[in-house]
C-alpha atoms as a PDB file:
ATOM      1  CA  MET A   1     -26.811  24.746 -26.801  1.00  0.00           C
ATOM      2  CA  ARG A   2     -29.441  22.689 -28.648  1.00  0.00           C
ATOM      3  CA  ALA A   3     -26.654  20.665 -30.267  1.00  0.00           C
ATOM      4  CA  ILE A   4     -25.121  19.967 -26.857  1.00  0.00           C
ATOM      5  CA  LEU A   5     -28.476  18.934 -25.400  1.00  0.00           C
ATOM      6  CA  GLY A   6     -29.060  16.679 -28.373  1.00  0.00           C
ATOM      7  CA  LEU A   7     -25.642  15.083 -27.932  1.00  0.00           C
ATOM      8  CA  LEU A   8     -26.312  14.478 -24.240  1.00  0.00           C
ATOM      9  CA  SER A   9     -29.719  12.991 -25.018  1.00  0.00           C
ATOM     10  CA  ARG A  10     -28.314  10.567 -27.605  1.00  0.00           C
ATOM     11  CA  ASN A  11     -25.550   9.418 -25.280  1.00  0.00           C
ATOM     12  CA  LYS A  12     -27.316   9.475 -21.935  1.00  0.00           C
ATOM     13  CA  GLY A  13     -26.798   5.744 -21.431  1.00  0.00           C
ATOM     14  CA  PHE A  14     -23.053   6.016 -21.931  1.00  0.00           C
ATOM     15  CA  ILE A  15     -22.842   9.146 -19.786  1.00  0.00           C
ATOM     16  CA  THR A  16     -24.777   7.454 -16.979  1.00  0.00           C
ATOM     17  CA  PHE A  17     -22.468   4.434 -17.166  1.00  0.00           C
ATOM     18  CA  MET A  18     -19.336   6.598 -17.022  1.00  0.00           C
ATOM     19  CA  LEU A  19     -20.730   8.596 -14.096  1.00  0.00           C
ATOM     20  CA  CYS A  20     -21.491   5.384 -12.210  1.00  0.00           C
ATOM     21  CA  MET A  21     -17.972   4.122 -12.903  1.00  0.00           C
ATOM     22  CA  VAL A  22     -16.420   7.331 -11.572  1.00  0.00           C
ATOM     23  CA  ILE A  23     -18.527   7.138  -8.407  1.00  0.00           C
ATOM     24  CA  PHE A  24     -17.755   3.425  -7.966  1.00  0.00           C
ATOM     25  CA  ARG A  25     -13.996   3.922  -8.322  1.00  0.00           C
ATOM     26  CA  SER A  26     -14.035   6.956  -6.064  1.00  0.00           C
ATOM     27  CA  ALA A  27     -16.099   5.544  -3.204  1.00  0.00           C
ATOM     28  CA  ILE A  28     -16.348   1.740  -3.448  1.00  0.00           C
ATOM     29  CA  ALA A  29     -13.405   0.030  -5.169  1.00  0.00           C
ATOM     30  CA  ASP A  30     -10.530   0.995  -7.419  1.00  0.00           C
ATOM     31  CA  TRP A  31      -7.387  -0.461  -8.961  1.00  0.00           C
ATOM     32  CA  ASN A  32      -3.955   1.127  -8.817  1.00  0.00           C
ATOM     33  CA  VAL A  33      -0.796   0.574 -10.831  1.00  0.00           C
ATOM     34  CA  VAL A  34       2.286   0.077  -8.643  1.00  0.00           C
ATOM     35  CA  PRO A  35       5.283   1.784 -10.316  1.00  0.00           C
ATOM     36  CA  THR A  36       7.892   1.280  -7.559  1.00  0.00           C
ATOM     37  CA  GLY A  37       9.337  -1.600  -5.591  1.00  0.00           C
ATOM     38  CA  SER A  38       8.860  -0.212  -2.069  1.00  0.00           C
ATOM     39  CA  MET A  39       6.427  -3.019  -1.159  1.00  0.00           C
ATOM     40  CA  GLN A  40       8.364  -5.913  -2.700  1.00  0.00           C
ATOM     41  CA  PRO A  41       8.006  -8.840  -2.450  1.00  0.00           C
ATOM     42  CA  SER A  42       4.356  -8.476  -1.357  1.00  0.00           C
ATOM     43  CA  ILE A  43       3.580  -6.141  -4.268  1.00  0.00           C
ATOM     44  CA  ARG A  44       5.824  -6.232  -7.327  1.00  0.00           C
ATOM     45  CA  ILE A  45       6.548  -3.524  -9.870  1.00  0.00           C
ATOM     46  CA  GLY A  46       3.859  -3.779 -12.545  1.00  0.00           C
ATOM     47  CA  ASP A  47       1.162  -5.200 -10.271  1.00  0.00           C
ATOM     48  CA  ARG A  48      -2.324  -3.716 -10.617  1.00  0.00           C
ATOM     49  CA  ILE A  49      -3.823  -3.941  -7.147  1.00  0.00           C
ATOM     50  CA  MET A  50      -7.466  -3.930  -6.100  1.00  0.00           C
ATOM     51  CA  VAL A  51      -8.306  -1.353  -3.431  1.00  0.00           C
ATOM     52  CA  ASP A  52     -11.335  -1.588  -1.152  1.00  0.00           C
ATOM     53  CA  LYS A  53     -12.291   2.080  -0.841  1.00  0.00           C
ATOM     54  CA  ALA A  54     -15.061   1.298   1.668  1.00  0.00           C
ATOM     55  CA  ALA A  55     -12.916  -0.784   4.017  1.00  0.00           C
ATOM     56  CA  TYR A  56     -12.616   2.014   6.562  1.00  0.00           C
ATOM     57  CA  ASP A  57     -15.056   4.738   5.499  1.00  0.00           C
ATOM     58  CA  VAL A  58     -17.898   5.350   3.114  1.00  0.00           C
ATOM     59  CA  ARG A  59     -16.859   8.655   1.581  1.00  0.00           C
ATOM     60  CA  LEU A  60     -18.633  11.292  -0.418  1.00  0.00           C
ATOM     61  CA  PRO A  61     -17.650  10.468  -4.030  1.00  0.00           C
ATOM     62  CA  LEU A  62     -14.713  12.455  -5.427  1.00  0.00           C
ATOM     63  CA  THR A  63     -13.835  13.784  -1.946  1.00  0.00           C
ATOM     64  CA  HIS A  64     -12.131  12.602   1.247  1.00  0.00           C
ATOM     65  CA  ILE A  65     -15.218  13.458   3.310  1.00  0.00           C
ATOM     66  CA  SER A  66     -16.241  10.463   5.423  1.00  0.00           C
ATOM     67  CA  LEU A  67     -19.992   9.872   5.520  1.00  0.00           C
ATOM     68  CA  ILE A  68     -19.905   6.613   7.479  1.00  0.00           C
ATOM     69  CA  HIS A  69     -17.009   5.408   9.627  1.00  0.00           C
ATOM     70  CA  ARG A  70     -16.772   1.625   9.287  1.00  0.00           C
ATOM     71  CA  ALA A  71     -13.422   0.664  10.816  1.00  0.00           C
ATOM     72  CA  ASP A  72      -9.886   1.816  11.454  1.00  0.00           C
ATOM     73  CA  PRO A  73      -6.747   0.437   9.807  1.00  0.00           C
ATOM     74  CA  GLN A  74      -5.245  -2.496  11.679  1.00  0.00           C
ATOM     75  CA  ARG A  75      -1.625  -3.410  12.174  1.00  0.00           C
ATOM     76  CA  GLY A  76      -0.530  -5.392   9.108  1.00  0.00           C
ATOM     77  CA  ASP A  77      -3.032  -3.874   6.655  1.00  0.00           C
ATOM     78  CA  ILE A  78      -1.683  -2.702   3.304  1.00  0.00           C
ATOM     79  CA  VAL A  79      -3.218   0.726   2.804  1.00  0.00           C
ATOM     80  CA  VAL A  80      -3.456   3.301   0.041  1.00  0.00           C
ATOM     81  CA  LEU A  81      -3.220   6.947   1.020  1.00  0.00           C
ATOM     82  CA  GLU A  82      -3.081  10.383  -0.545  1.00  0.00           C
ATOM     83  CA  SER A  83      -0.116  11.801   1.343  1.00  0.00           C
ATOM     84  CA  ALA A  84       0.250  15.561   1.703  1.00  0.00           C
ATOM     85  CA  SER A  85       3.805  15.269   3.030  1.00  0.00           C
ATOM     86  CA  ALA A  86       4.925  13.015   0.165  1.00  0.00           C
ATOM     87  CA  ASN A  87       2.699  14.904  -2.319  1.00  0.00           C
ATOM     88  CA  GLU A  88       1.654  11.653  -3.980  1.00  0.00           C
ATOM     89  CA  ARG A  89      -0.349   8.467  -3.582  1.00  0.00           C
ATOM     90  CA  LEU A  90       1.434   5.857  -1.487  1.00  0.00           C
ATOM     91  CA  VAL A  91       0.955   2.153  -0.841  1.00  0.00           C
ATOM     92  CA  LYS A  92       2.424   1.050   2.490  1.00  0.00           C
ATOM     93  CA  ARG A  93       1.864  -1.358   5.380  1.00  0.00           C
ATOM     94  CA  VAL A  94       0.446  -0.305   8.747  1.00  0.00           C
ATOM     95  CA  ILE A  95       3.083  -1.126  11.358  1.00  0.00           C
ATOM     96  CA  GLY A  96       2.046   1.139  14.228  1.00  0.00           C
ATOM     97  CA  VAL A  97      -1.467   2.152  15.244  1.00  0.00           C
ATOM     98  CA  PRO A  98      -2.253   4.982  17.702  1.00  0.00           C
ATOM     99  CA  GLY A  99      -0.565   4.351  21.055  1.00  0.00           C
ATOM    100  CA  ASP A 100       2.003   1.845  19.755  1.00  0.00           C
ATOM    101  CA  GLU A 101       5.703   2.176  20.491  1.00  0.00           C
ATOM    102  CA  VAL A 102       7.666   1.196  17.382  1.00  0.00           C
ATOM    103  CA  ALA A 103      11.397   0.772  16.851  1.00  0.00           C
ATOM    104  CA  LEU A 104      13.813  -0.794  14.369  1.00  0.00           C
ATOM    105  CA  ARG A 105      17.109  -2.174  15.634  1.00  0.00           C
ATOM    106  CA  GLU A 106      19.459  -3.408  12.889  1.00  0.00           C
ATOM    107  CA  ASN A 107      16.364  -3.571  10.690  1.00  0.00           C
ATOM    108  CA  HIS A 108      14.579  -5.826  13.170  1.00  0.00           C
ATOM    109  CA  LEU A 109      11.163  -4.612  14.269  1.00  0.00           C
ATOM    110  CA  TYR A 110       9.995  -4.054  17.852  1.00  0.00           C
ATOM    111  CA  ILE A 111       6.383  -3.187  18.682  1.00  0.00           C
ATOM    112  CA  ASN A 112       5.546  -2.244  22.281  1.00  0.00           C
ATOM    113  CA  GLY A 113       8.810  -3.842  23.335  1.00  0.00           C
ATOM    114  CA  GLN A 114       8.021  -7.165  21.633  1.00  0.00           C
ATOM    115  CA  PRO A 115      10.653  -8.184  19.071  1.00  0.00           C
ATOM    116  CA  ALA A 116       9.546  -9.649  15.762  1.00  0.00           C
ATOM    117  CA  SER A 117      10.774 -13.099  14.852  1.00  0.00           C
ATOM    118  CA  TYR A 118      12.127 -13.804  11.380  1.00  0.00           C
ATOM    119  CA  GLN A 119      12.009 -16.945   9.281  1.00  0.00           C
ATOM    120  CA  PRO A 120      14.254 -16.835   6.171  1.00  0.00           C
ATOM    121  CA  ILE A 121      12.299 -17.449   2.956  1.00  0.00           C
ATOM    122  CA  ALA A 122      13.551 -18.022  -0.588  1.00  0.00           C
ATOM    123  CA  VAL A 123      11.821 -15.712  -3.069  1.00  0.00           C
ATOM    124  CA  GLN A 124      12.226 -16.031  -6.836  1.00  0.00           C
ATOM    125  CA  GLY A 125      11.498 -13.701  -9.735  1.00  0.00           C
ATOM    126  CA  ILE A 126      12.307 -10.289  -8.198  1.00  0.00           C
ATOM    127  CA  ARG A 127      14.045  -8.427 -11.018  1.00  0.00           C
ATOM    128  CA  ASP A 128      15.681  -5.927  -8.640  1.00  0.00           C
ATOM    129  CA  ASP A 129      17.696  -8.766  -7.102  1.00  0.00           C
ATOM    130  CA  ARG A 130      19.956  -8.859 -10.185  1.00  0.00           C
ATOM    131  CA  GLU A 131      21.481  -5.463  -9.394  1.00  0.00           C
ATOM    132  CA  ASP A 132      20.601  -5.286  -5.696  1.00  0.00           C
ATOM    133  CA  PRO A 133      20.968  -8.725  -4.078  1.00  0.00           C
ATOM    134  CA  ALA A 134      18.580  -9.196  -1.194  1.00  0.00           C
ATOM    135  CA  GLN A 135      17.479 -11.575   1.490  1.00  0.00           C
ATOM    136  CA  TYR A 136      13.879 -12.264   2.463  1.00  0.00           C
ATOM    137  CA  ALA A 137      12.193 -13.331   5.666  1.00  0.00           C
ATOM    138  CA  MET A 138       8.730 -13.792   7.127  1.00  0.00           C
ATOM    139  CA  GLU A 139       8.330 -11.096   9.779  1.00  0.00           C
ATOM    140  CA  ASN A 140       6.155 -12.232  12.694  1.00  0.00           C
ATOM    141  CA  VAL A 141       5.053 -10.045  15.571  1.00  0.00           C
ATOM    142  CA  GLY A 142       1.769 -10.647  17.345  1.00  0.00           C
ATOM    143  CA  ALA A 143      -0.892 -11.426  14.754  1.00  0.00           C
ATOM    144  CA  MET A 144       1.056  -9.730  11.952  1.00  0.00           C
ATOM    145  CA  HIS A 145       2.833 -11.996   9.462  1.00  0.00           C
ATOM    146  CA  HIS A 146       4.288 -10.860   6.139  1.00  0.00           C
ATOM    147  CA  LEU A 147       7.408 -11.012   3.981  1.00  0.00           C
ATOM    148  CA  VAL A 148      10.087  -8.339   4.146  1.00  0.00           C
ATOM    149  CA  ARG A 149      13.051  -7.645   1.874  1.00  0.00           C
ATOM    150  CA  TRP A 150      16.477  -6.491   3.042  1.00  0.00           C
ATOM    151  CA  SER A 151      19.131  -5.274   0.613  1.00  0.00           C
ATOM    152  CA  ILE A 152      22.487  -6.964   1.168  1.00  0.00           C
ATOM    153  CA  ALA A 153      24.696  -4.318  -0.437  1.00  0.00           C
ATOM    154  CA  GLN A 154      22.690  -1.113   0.124  1.00  0.00           C
ATOM    155  CA  ALA A 155      22.870   0.804   3.369  1.00  0.00           C
ATOM    156  CA  GLY A 156      19.410   2.321   2.719  1.00  0.00           C
ATOM    157  CA  HIS A 157      18.333   5.134   5.029  1.00  0.00           C
ATOM    158  CA  GLY A 158      19.511   3.658   8.293  1.00  0.00           C
ATOM    159  CA  LYS A 159      18.861   0.348   9.959  1.00  0.00           C
ATOM    160  CA  ASP A 160      17.850   1.894  13.313  1.00  0.00           C
ATOM    161  CA  PHE A 161      14.709   3.922  13.889  1.00  0.00           C
ATOM    162  CA  GLY A 162      12.916   5.109  17.008  1.00  0.00           C
ATOM    163  CA  PRO A 163      11.564   4.181  19.409  1.00  0.00           C
ATOM    164  CA  VAL A 164       8.609   6.448  18.692  1.00  0.00           C
ATOM    165  CA  ILE A 165       5.086   6.581  20.086  1.00  0.00           C
ATOM    166  CA  VAL A 166       2.327   6.789  17.456  1.00  0.00           C
ATOM    167  CA  PRO A 167       0.050   9.750  18.300  1.00  0.00           C
ATOM    168  CA  ALA A 168      -3.740   9.645  18.340  1.00  0.00           C
ATOM    169  CA  GLY A 169      -5.230   9.860  14.854  1.00  0.00           C
ATOM    170  CA  GLN A 170      -1.909   8.970  13.204  1.00  0.00           C
ATOM    171  CA  TYR A 171      -0.347   5.802  11.788  1.00  0.00           C
ATOM    172  CA  LEU A 172       3.186   4.582  11.285  1.00  0.00           C
ATOM    173  CA  LEU A 173       3.600   3.046   7.830  1.00  0.00           C
ATOM    174  CA  LEU A 174       6.561   1.156   6.388  1.00  0.00           C
ATOM    175  CA  GLY A 175       7.320  -0.515   3.081  1.00  0.00           C
ATOM    176  CA  ASP A 176       8.055  -4.240   3.064  1.00  0.00           C
ATOM    177  CA  ASN A 177      11.180  -3.455   1.023  1.00  0.00           C
ATOM    178  CA  ARG A 178      12.794  -2.044   4.133  1.00  0.00           C
ATOM    179  CA  ASP A 179      15.956  -0.570   2.605  1.00  0.00           C
ATOM    180  CA  ASN A 180      14.169   0.971  -0.394  1.00  0.00           C
ATOM    181  CA  SER A 181      11.013   2.645   0.860  1.00  0.00           C
ATOM    182  CA  ALA A 182      10.177   6.278   1.542  1.00  0.00           C
ATOM    183  CA  ASP A 183       7.756   5.894   4.442  1.00  0.00           C
ATOM    184  CA  SER A 184       7.286   7.056   8.052  1.00  0.00           C
ATOM    185  CA  ARG A 185      11.051   7.076   8.511  1.00  0.00           C
ATOM    186  CA  TYR A 186      11.120   9.950   5.996  1.00  0.00           C
ATOM    187  CA  PHE A 187       7.718  11.604   6.261  1.00  0.00           C
ATOM    188  CA  GLY A 188       6.742  10.939   9.869  1.00  0.00           C
ATOM    189  CA  PHE A 189       3.323   9.714  10.914  1.00  0.00           C
ATOM    190  CA  PHE A 190       0.437   9.702   8.449  1.00  0.00           C
ATOM    191  CA  PRO A 191      -2.978  11.116   9.434  1.00  0.00           C
ATOM    192  CA  ARG A 192      -5.957   8.773   9.500  1.00  0.00           C
ATOM    193  CA  GLY A 193      -7.854  11.034   7.085  1.00  0.00           C
ATOM    194  CA  GLU A 194      -5.266  10.494   4.330  1.00  0.00           C
ATOM    195  CA  ILE A 195      -5.849   6.729   4.243  1.00  0.00           C
ATOM    196  CA  THR A 196      -8.376   6.081   1.479  1.00  0.00           C
ATOM    197  CA  GLY A 197      -8.559   2.292   1.258  1.00  0.00           C
ATOM    198  CA  ARG A 198      -7.098  -1.147   1.869  1.00  0.00           C
ATOM    199  CA  ALA A 199      -5.266  -3.097  -0.844  1.00  0.00           C
ATOM    200  CA  THR A 200      -6.755  -6.592  -1.020  1.00  0.00           C
ATOM    201  CA  ARG A 201      -5.305  -8.507  -3.975  1.00  0.00           C
ATOM    202  CA  VAL A 202      -3.445  -8.307  -7.283  1.00  0.00           C
ATOM    203  CA  ALA A 203      -5.924  -7.854 -10.120  1.00  0.00           C
ATOM    204  CA  LEU A 204      -3.313  -8.480 -12.823  1.00  0.00           C
ATOM    205  CA  SER A 205       0.402  -8.029 -13.263  1.00  0.00           C
ATOM    206  CA  LEU A 206       2.551  -6.932 -16.214  1.00  0.00           C
ATOM    207  CA  ASP A 207       6.307  -7.494 -16.151  1.00  0.00           C
ATOM    208  CA  PRO A 208       8.171  -4.291 -17.164  1.00  0.00           C
ATOM    209  CA  GLY A 209      11.374  -6.296 -17.437  1.00  0.00           C
ATOM    210  CA  ASN A 210       9.862  -8.645 -20.022  1.00  0.00           C
ATOM    211  CA  HIS A 211       8.158  -6.361 -22.545  1.00  0.00           C
ATOM    212  CA  TYR A 212       5.193  -5.899 -20.160  1.00  0.00           C
ATOM    213  CA  LEU A 213       4.025  -9.449 -20.736  1.00  0.00           C
ATOM    214  CA  PRO A 214       1.533 -10.764 -18.163  1.00  0.00           C
ATOM    215  CA  ARG A 215       2.768 -12.581 -15.093  1.00  0.00           C
ATOM    216  CA  GLY A 216       0.267 -15.416 -14.989  1.00  0.00           C
ATOM    217  CA  ASP A 217       1.201 -16.503 -11.477  1.00  0.00           C
ATOM    218  CA  ARG A 218       0.352 -13.064 -10.004  1.00  0.00           C
ATOM    219  CA  TRP A 219      -3.257 -12.665 -11.198  1.00  0.00           C
ATOM    220  CA  GLY A 220      -5.755 -12.751  -8.364  1.00  0.00           C
ATOM    221  CA  VAL A 221      -3.117 -13.259  -5.665  1.00  0.00           C
ATOM    222  CA  ALA A 222      -4.404 -12.173  -2.245  1.00  0.00           C
ATOM    223  CA  LEU A 223      -2.218  -9.614  -0.463  1.00  0.00           C
ATOM    224  CA  GLN A 224      -1.059 -10.489   3.033  1.00  0.00           C
END
């Protein structure tokens, strides 16, 4: 016991620093590695994204207990959540907030009866396009504007979905890679309490298809 106390005393500065880091990453801000392409092209495989843990709630460190409610996720936000139904951490985009009616018709989005408009966009550097050719477009509906990816050859999990009404306290989340994302079309609505933060930008990016060399053009890119 005396040896342990002595060790703690000699390293109290380091221990305090590590404790502060754990609290900071748990309650204030964190960074997550993105291992899948479900949010391409907005988030690419190998991106390390910054997550604002206090965007919606100030939580008791190391728990999901909200101490201060600051805001609710808005349509278009990219959120991080600890999903019980998926049994893993997910990164998805908020498409439907409580009360919204959401539908997909031939992969085209409708929110509260308003169809999204689409502007084709050329996107370069997506490694998945070599084996799974895709087309890209800017999806615009209301104040929400972001890129989406559609596989040309893959049928995905169905191009039609809904219409569904988002219940109170729940959110409808989709991946921007519409034909390759396990999201609300698989798992249903996601509870507000599972959403732990908002993804804000790419901290750094390593290319798994090029020996994990850095992608210089991705560092610090703001997520939209």
